[in-house]
């Protein structure tokens, strides 16, 4: 394999995946030319806890606390997706709360 001089000088750095307790679970594959970033491939939503496997043996009420830990900045969004998704797929009409 013949690489040009500039291709030989490039360095690929794997930053992450960051710990799931951090805000925004993220992995970055960064290509550097010296101190300059020439490319960056972000990979969002990386989890190493096996949430799908945990969900197999729990009810939605038992699983919901796990959902809030996916990404601490977007907890309400992940809860809404987890609860509203099955309701919409199953065409389940949830009654409005009385007030």
N, C-alpha and C. Protein backbone atom coordinates (compact mmCIF):
# COMPACT_ATOMS: atom_id res chain seq x y z
N UNK A 1 0.84 -1.17 0.00
CA UNK A 1 0.00 0.00 0.00
C UNK A 1 0.88 1.23 0.00
N UNK A 2 0.75 2.06 -1.01
CA UNK A 2 1.52 3.29 -1.11
C UNK A 2 0.67 4.46 -0.64
N UNK A 3 1.14 5.12 0.41
CA UNK A 3 0.44 6.29 0.94
C UNK A 3 1.22 7.53 0.58
N UNK A 4 0.49 8.59 0.27
CA UNK A 4 1.16 9.86 0.01
C UNK A 4 1.68 10.42 1.33
N UNK A 5 2.51 11.45 1.24
CA UNK A 5 3.10 12.04 2.45
C UNK A 5 2.02 12.55 3.39
N UNK A 6 0.94 13.15 2.85
CA UNK A 6 -0.10 13.71 3.71
C UNK A 6 -0.92 12.60 4.36
N UNK A 7 -1.12 11.47 3.65
CA UNK A 7 -1.88 10.38 4.24
C UNK A 7 -1.09 9.71 5.36
N UNK A 8 0.22 9.70 5.26
CA UNK A 8 1.05 9.11 6.30
C UNK A 8 1.01 9.96 7.57
N UNK A 9 0.82 11.25 7.44
CA UNK A 9 0.84 12.15 8.58
C UNK A 9 -0.48 12.21 9.33
N UNK A 10 -1.53 11.66 8.77
CA UNK A 10 -2.84 11.72 9.43
C UNK A 10 -2.89 10.73 10.59
N UNK A 11 -3.57 11.14 11.64
CA UNK A 11 -3.75 10.28 12.81
C UNK A 11 -5.23 10.16 13.10
N UNK A 12 -5.72 8.95 13.30
CA UNK A 12 -7.11 8.72 13.65
C UNK A 12 -7.19 8.44 15.14
N UNK A 13 -8.00 9.25 15.83
CA UNK A 13 -8.13 9.14 17.28
C UNK A 13 -9.57 8.76 17.60
N UNK A 14 -9.74 7.74 18.40
CA UNK A 14 -11.06 7.31 18.84
C UNK A 14 -11.33 7.95 20.19
N UNK A 15 -12.24 8.91 20.22
CA UNK A 15 -12.59 9.59 21.47
C UNK A 15 -13.92 9.04 21.97
N UNK A 16 -13.88 8.24 22.98
CA UNK A 16 -15.11 7.69 23.52
C UNK A 16 -15.18 6.21 23.23
N UNK A 17 -16.26 5.56 23.46
CA UNK A 17 -17.49 6.19 23.93
C UNK A 17 -17.35 6.70 25.36
N UNK A 18 -17.98 7.83 25.61
CA UNK A 18 -17.94 8.41 26.94
C UNK A 18 -18.83 7.61 27.88
N UNK A 19 -18.62 7.76 29.11
CA UNK A 19 -19.41 7.02 30.10
C UNK A 19 -20.87 7.45 30.04
N UNK A 20 -21.80 6.50 30.12
CA UNK A 20 -23.23 6.84 30.00
C UNK A 20 -23.74 7.84 31.04
N UNK A 21 -23.02 8.04 32.13
CA UNK A 21 -23.49 9.00 33.12
C UNK A 21 -23.20 10.44 32.68
N UNK A 22 -22.44 10.62 31.61
CA UNK A 22 -22.16 11.97 31.11
C UNK A 22 -23.33 12.46 30.28
N UNK A 23 -23.43 13.75 30.14
CA UNK A 23 -24.50 14.34 29.34
C UNK A 23 -24.20 14.13 27.86
N UNK A 24 -25.08 13.42 27.20
CA UNK A 24 -24.89 13.17 25.78
C UNK A 24 -23.94 12.02 25.55
N UNK A 25 -24.46 10.83 25.40
CA UNK A 25 -23.61 9.67 25.17
C UNK A 25 -23.09 9.76 23.74
N UNK A 26 -21.78 9.84 23.59
CA UNK A 26 -21.19 10.19 22.31
C UNK A 26 -19.85 9.50 22.10
N UNK A 27 -19.61 9.10 20.86
CA UNK A 27 -18.30 8.60 20.43
C UNK A 27 -17.89 9.42 19.23
N UNK A 28 -16.63 9.84 19.18
CA UNK A 28 -16.10 10.61 18.05
C UNK A 28 -14.91 9.87 17.45
N UNK A 29 -14.91 9.72 16.14
CA UNK A 29 -13.74 9.22 15.43
C UNK A 29 -13.14 10.43 14.71
N UNK A 30 -12.03 10.89 15.22
CA UNK A 30 -11.43 12.15 14.77
C UNK A 30 -10.18 11.86 13.95
N UNK A 31 -10.06 12.50 12.78
CA UNK A 31 -8.86 12.40 11.95
C UNK A 31 -8.09 13.71 12.09
N UNK A 32 -6.83 13.59 12.50
CA UNK A 32 -5.99 14.75 12.75
C UNK A 32 -4.86 14.84 11.75
N UNK A 33 -4.57 16.07 11.34
CA UNK A 33 -3.38 16.38 10.56
C UNK A 33 -2.56 17.32 11.42
N UNK A 34 -1.67 16.74 12.20
CA UNK A 34 -0.95 17.54 13.19
C UNK A 34 -1.93 17.93 14.29
N UNK A 35 -2.13 19.26 14.47
CA UNK A 35 -3.08 19.74 15.46
C UNK A 35 -4.43 20.09 14.85
N UNK A 36 -4.55 19.95 13.53
CA UNK A 36 -5.79 20.31 12.84
C UNK A 36 -6.72 19.10 12.71
N UNK A 37 -7.98 19.32 13.03
CA UNK A 37 -8.99 18.28 12.83
C UNK A 37 -9.45 18.37 11.38
N UNK A 38 -9.22 17.31 10.61
CA UNK A 38 -9.61 17.31 9.20
C UNK A 38 -10.90 16.53 8.96
N UNK A 39 -11.29 15.68 9.92
CA UNK A 39 -12.54 14.94 9.78
C UNK A 39 -12.98 14.50 11.16
N UNK A 40 -14.30 14.43 11.34
CA UNK A 40 -14.85 13.97 12.61
C UNK A 40 -16.15 13.24 12.33
N UNK A 41 -16.22 11.98 12.75
CA UNK A 41 -17.43 11.18 12.57
C UNK A 41 -18.08 10.98 13.93
N UNK A 42 -19.18 11.71 14.21
CA UNK A 42 -19.86 11.52 15.49
C UNK A 42 -20.78 10.31 15.45
N UNK A 43 -20.80 9.54 16.52
CA UNK A 43 -21.70 8.40 16.66
C UNK A 43 -22.49 8.62 17.94
N UNK A 44 -23.78 8.92 17.78
CA UNK A 44 -24.63 9.24 18.92
C UNK A 44 -25.36 8.01 19.43
N UNK A 45 -25.74 8.06 20.70
CA UNK A 45 -26.59 7.03 21.27
C UNK A 45 -25.87 5.75 21.63
N UNK A 46 -24.57 5.80 21.83
CA UNK A 46 -23.81 4.60 22.15
C UNK A 46 -24.07 4.21 23.60
N UNK A 47 -24.57 3.03 23.83
CA UNK A 47 -24.78 2.52 25.18
C UNK A 47 -24.14 1.15 25.30
N UNK A 48 -23.55 0.87 26.43
CA UNK A 48 -22.95 -0.45 26.62
C UNK A 48 -23.66 -1.24 27.71
N UNK A 49 -24.84 -0.80 28.13
CA UNK A 49 -25.53 -1.47 29.23
C UNK A 49 -26.47 -2.57 28.77
N UNK A 50 -26.73 -2.71 27.50
CA UNK A 50 -27.63 -3.74 27.02
C UNK A 50 -29.07 -3.47 27.40
N UNK A 51 -29.52 -2.23 27.18
CA UNK A 51 -30.87 -1.83 27.60
C UNK A 51 -31.96 -2.69 26.96
N UNK A 52 -31.75 -3.12 25.73
CA UNK A 52 -32.77 -3.94 25.08
C UNK A 52 -32.94 -5.27 25.82
N UNK A 53 -31.84 -5.84 26.27
CA UNK A 53 -31.90 -7.11 27.00
C UNK A 53 -32.58 -6.92 28.36
N UNK A 54 -32.29 -5.82 29.02
CA UNK A 54 -32.93 -5.54 30.30
C UNK A 54 -34.44 -5.38 30.11
N UNK A 55 -34.85 -4.76 29.01
CA UNK A 55 -36.28 -4.50 28.76
C UNK A 55 -37.06 -5.79 28.51
N UNK A 56 -36.40 -6.84 28.08
CA UNK A 56 -37.10 -8.08 27.76
C UNK A 56 -37.81 -8.69 28.96
N UNK A 57 -37.31 -8.47 30.15
CA UNK A 57 -37.85 -9.11 31.35
C UNK A 57 -38.56 -8.14 32.29
N UNK A 58 -38.96 -6.97 31.77
CA UNK A 58 -39.60 -5.98 32.61
C UNK A 58 -40.86 -5.45 31.94
N UNK A 59 -41.78 -4.97 32.78
CA UNK A 59 -42.95 -4.27 32.24
C UNK A 59 -42.52 -2.85 31.89
N UNK A 60 -43.37 -2.12 31.19
CA UNK A 60 -43.03 -0.74 30.82
C UNK A 60 -42.82 0.13 32.06
N UNK A 61 -43.60 -0.11 33.11
CA UNK A 61 -43.45 0.67 34.35
C UNK A 61 -42.12 0.34 35.03
N UNK A 62 -41.71 -0.91 35.00
CA UNK A 62 -40.44 -1.30 35.59
C UNK A 62 -39.26 -0.80 34.77
N UNK A 63 -39.45 -0.67 33.46
CA UNK A 63 -38.35 -0.29 32.57
C UNK A 63 -38.17 1.22 32.46
N UNK A 64 -39.22 1.98 32.72
CA UNK A 64 -39.16 3.43 32.51
C UNK A 64 -38.02 4.13 33.27
N UNK A 65 -37.68 3.73 34.51
CA UNK A 65 -36.54 4.38 35.16
C UNK A 65 -35.21 4.20 34.42
N UNK A 66 -35.06 3.09 33.69
CA UNK A 66 -33.84 2.89 32.91
C UNK A 66 -33.76 3.89 31.75
N UNK A 67 -34.90 4.20 31.18
CA UNK A 67 -34.96 5.09 30.02
C UNK A 67 -34.43 6.48 30.37
N UNK A 68 -34.72 6.95 31.58
CA UNK A 68 -34.27 8.29 31.97
C UNK A 68 -32.76 8.37 32.08
N UNK A 69 -32.09 7.24 32.17
CA UNK A 69 -30.63 7.23 32.31
C UNK A 69 -29.89 7.15 30.98
N UNK A 70 -30.62 7.05 29.88
CA UNK A 70 -29.96 6.98 28.57
C UNK A 70 -29.16 8.24 28.31
N UNK A 71 -29.80 9.38 28.50
CA UNK A 71 -29.15 10.67 28.24
C UNK A 71 -29.80 11.68 29.17
N UNK A 72 -29.05 12.14 30.15
CA UNK A 72 -29.64 12.96 31.20
C UNK A 72 -30.15 14.31 30.72
N UNK A 73 -29.72 14.78 29.58
CA UNK A 73 -30.22 16.05 29.07
C UNK A 73 -31.58 15.87 28.40
N UNK A 74 -31.84 14.72 27.83
CA UNK A 74 -33.07 14.50 27.07
C UNK A 74 -33.98 13.47 27.74
N UNK A 75 -34.08 13.48 29.06
CA UNK A 75 -34.84 12.44 29.74
C UNK A 75 -36.31 12.44 29.36
N UNK A 76 -36.92 13.63 29.26
CA UNK A 76 -38.34 13.68 28.92
C UNK A 76 -38.60 13.18 27.51
N UNK A 77 -37.67 13.44 26.60
CA UNK A 77 -37.83 12.97 25.23
C UNK A 77 -37.73 11.45 25.15
N UNK A 78 -36.76 10.86 25.86
CA UNK A 78 -36.64 9.41 25.81
C UNK A 78 -37.82 8.72 26.49
N UNK A 79 -38.34 9.34 27.55
CA UNK A 79 -39.54 8.79 28.18
C UNK A 79 -40.73 8.87 27.24
N UNK A 80 -40.89 10.00 26.57
CA UNK A 80 -42.01 10.18 25.64
C UNK A 80 -41.94 9.17 24.50
N UNK A 81 -40.76 8.93 23.97
CA UNK A 81 -40.60 7.96 22.89
C UNK A 81 -40.95 6.56 23.37
N UNK A 82 -40.48 6.21 24.57
CA UNK A 82 -40.72 4.88 25.11
C UNK A 82 -42.19 4.63 25.41
N UNK A 83 -42.90 5.65 25.87
CA UNK A 83 -44.31 5.49 26.22
C UNK A 83 -45.22 5.72 25.02
N UNK A 84 -44.97 6.77 24.25
CA UNK A 84 -45.85 7.11 23.13
C UNK A 84 -45.69 6.18 21.94
N UNK A 85 -44.49 5.64 21.73
CA UNK A 85 -44.27 4.75 20.60
C UNK A 85 -45.18 3.53 20.61
N UNK A 86 -45.18 2.74 21.68
CA UNK A 86 -46.07 1.58 21.71
C UNK A 86 -47.55 1.96 21.66
N UNK A 87 -47.92 3.11 22.27
CA UNK A 87 -49.32 3.54 22.22
C UNK A 87 -49.74 3.82 20.78
N UNK A 88 -48.88 4.49 20.03
CA UNK A 88 -49.21 4.80 18.64
C UNK A 88 -49.19 3.55 17.77
N UNK A 89 -48.21 2.68 17.97
CA UNK A 89 -48.13 1.45 17.18
C UNK A 89 -49.32 0.53 17.44
N UNK A 90 -49.78 0.47 18.69
CA UNK A 90 -50.91 -0.37 19.06
C UNK A 90 -52.25 0.31 18.91
N UNK A 91 -52.23 1.56 18.43
CA UNK A 91 -53.45 2.35 18.27
C UNK A 91 -54.24 2.39 19.58
N UNK A 92 -53.52 2.63 20.68
CA UNK A 92 -54.12 2.69 22.01
C UNK A 92 -54.50 4.13 22.31
N UNK A 93 -55.75 4.36 22.63
CA UNK A 93 -56.23 5.70 22.98
C UNK A 93 -56.16 5.85 24.50
N UNK A 94 -55.28 6.71 24.97
CA UNK A 94 -55.12 6.94 26.40
C UNK A 94 -56.10 8.04 26.80
N UNK A 95 -56.93 7.82 27.80
CA UNK A 95 -57.89 8.85 28.19
C UNK A 95 -57.18 10.07 28.79
N UNK A 96 -57.76 11.25 28.56
CA UNK A 96 -57.22 12.49 29.13
C UNK A 96 -57.42 12.46 30.64
N UNK A 97 -56.49 13.09 31.35
CA UNK A 97 -56.60 13.18 32.80
C UNK A 97 -57.69 14.19 33.15
N UNK A 98 -58.49 13.86 34.13
CA UNK A 98 -59.53 14.79 34.59
C UNK A 98 -58.94 15.92 35.41
N UNK A 99 -59.56 17.08 35.36
CA UNK A 99 -58.95 18.17 36.09
C UNK A 99 -59.88 19.13 36.68
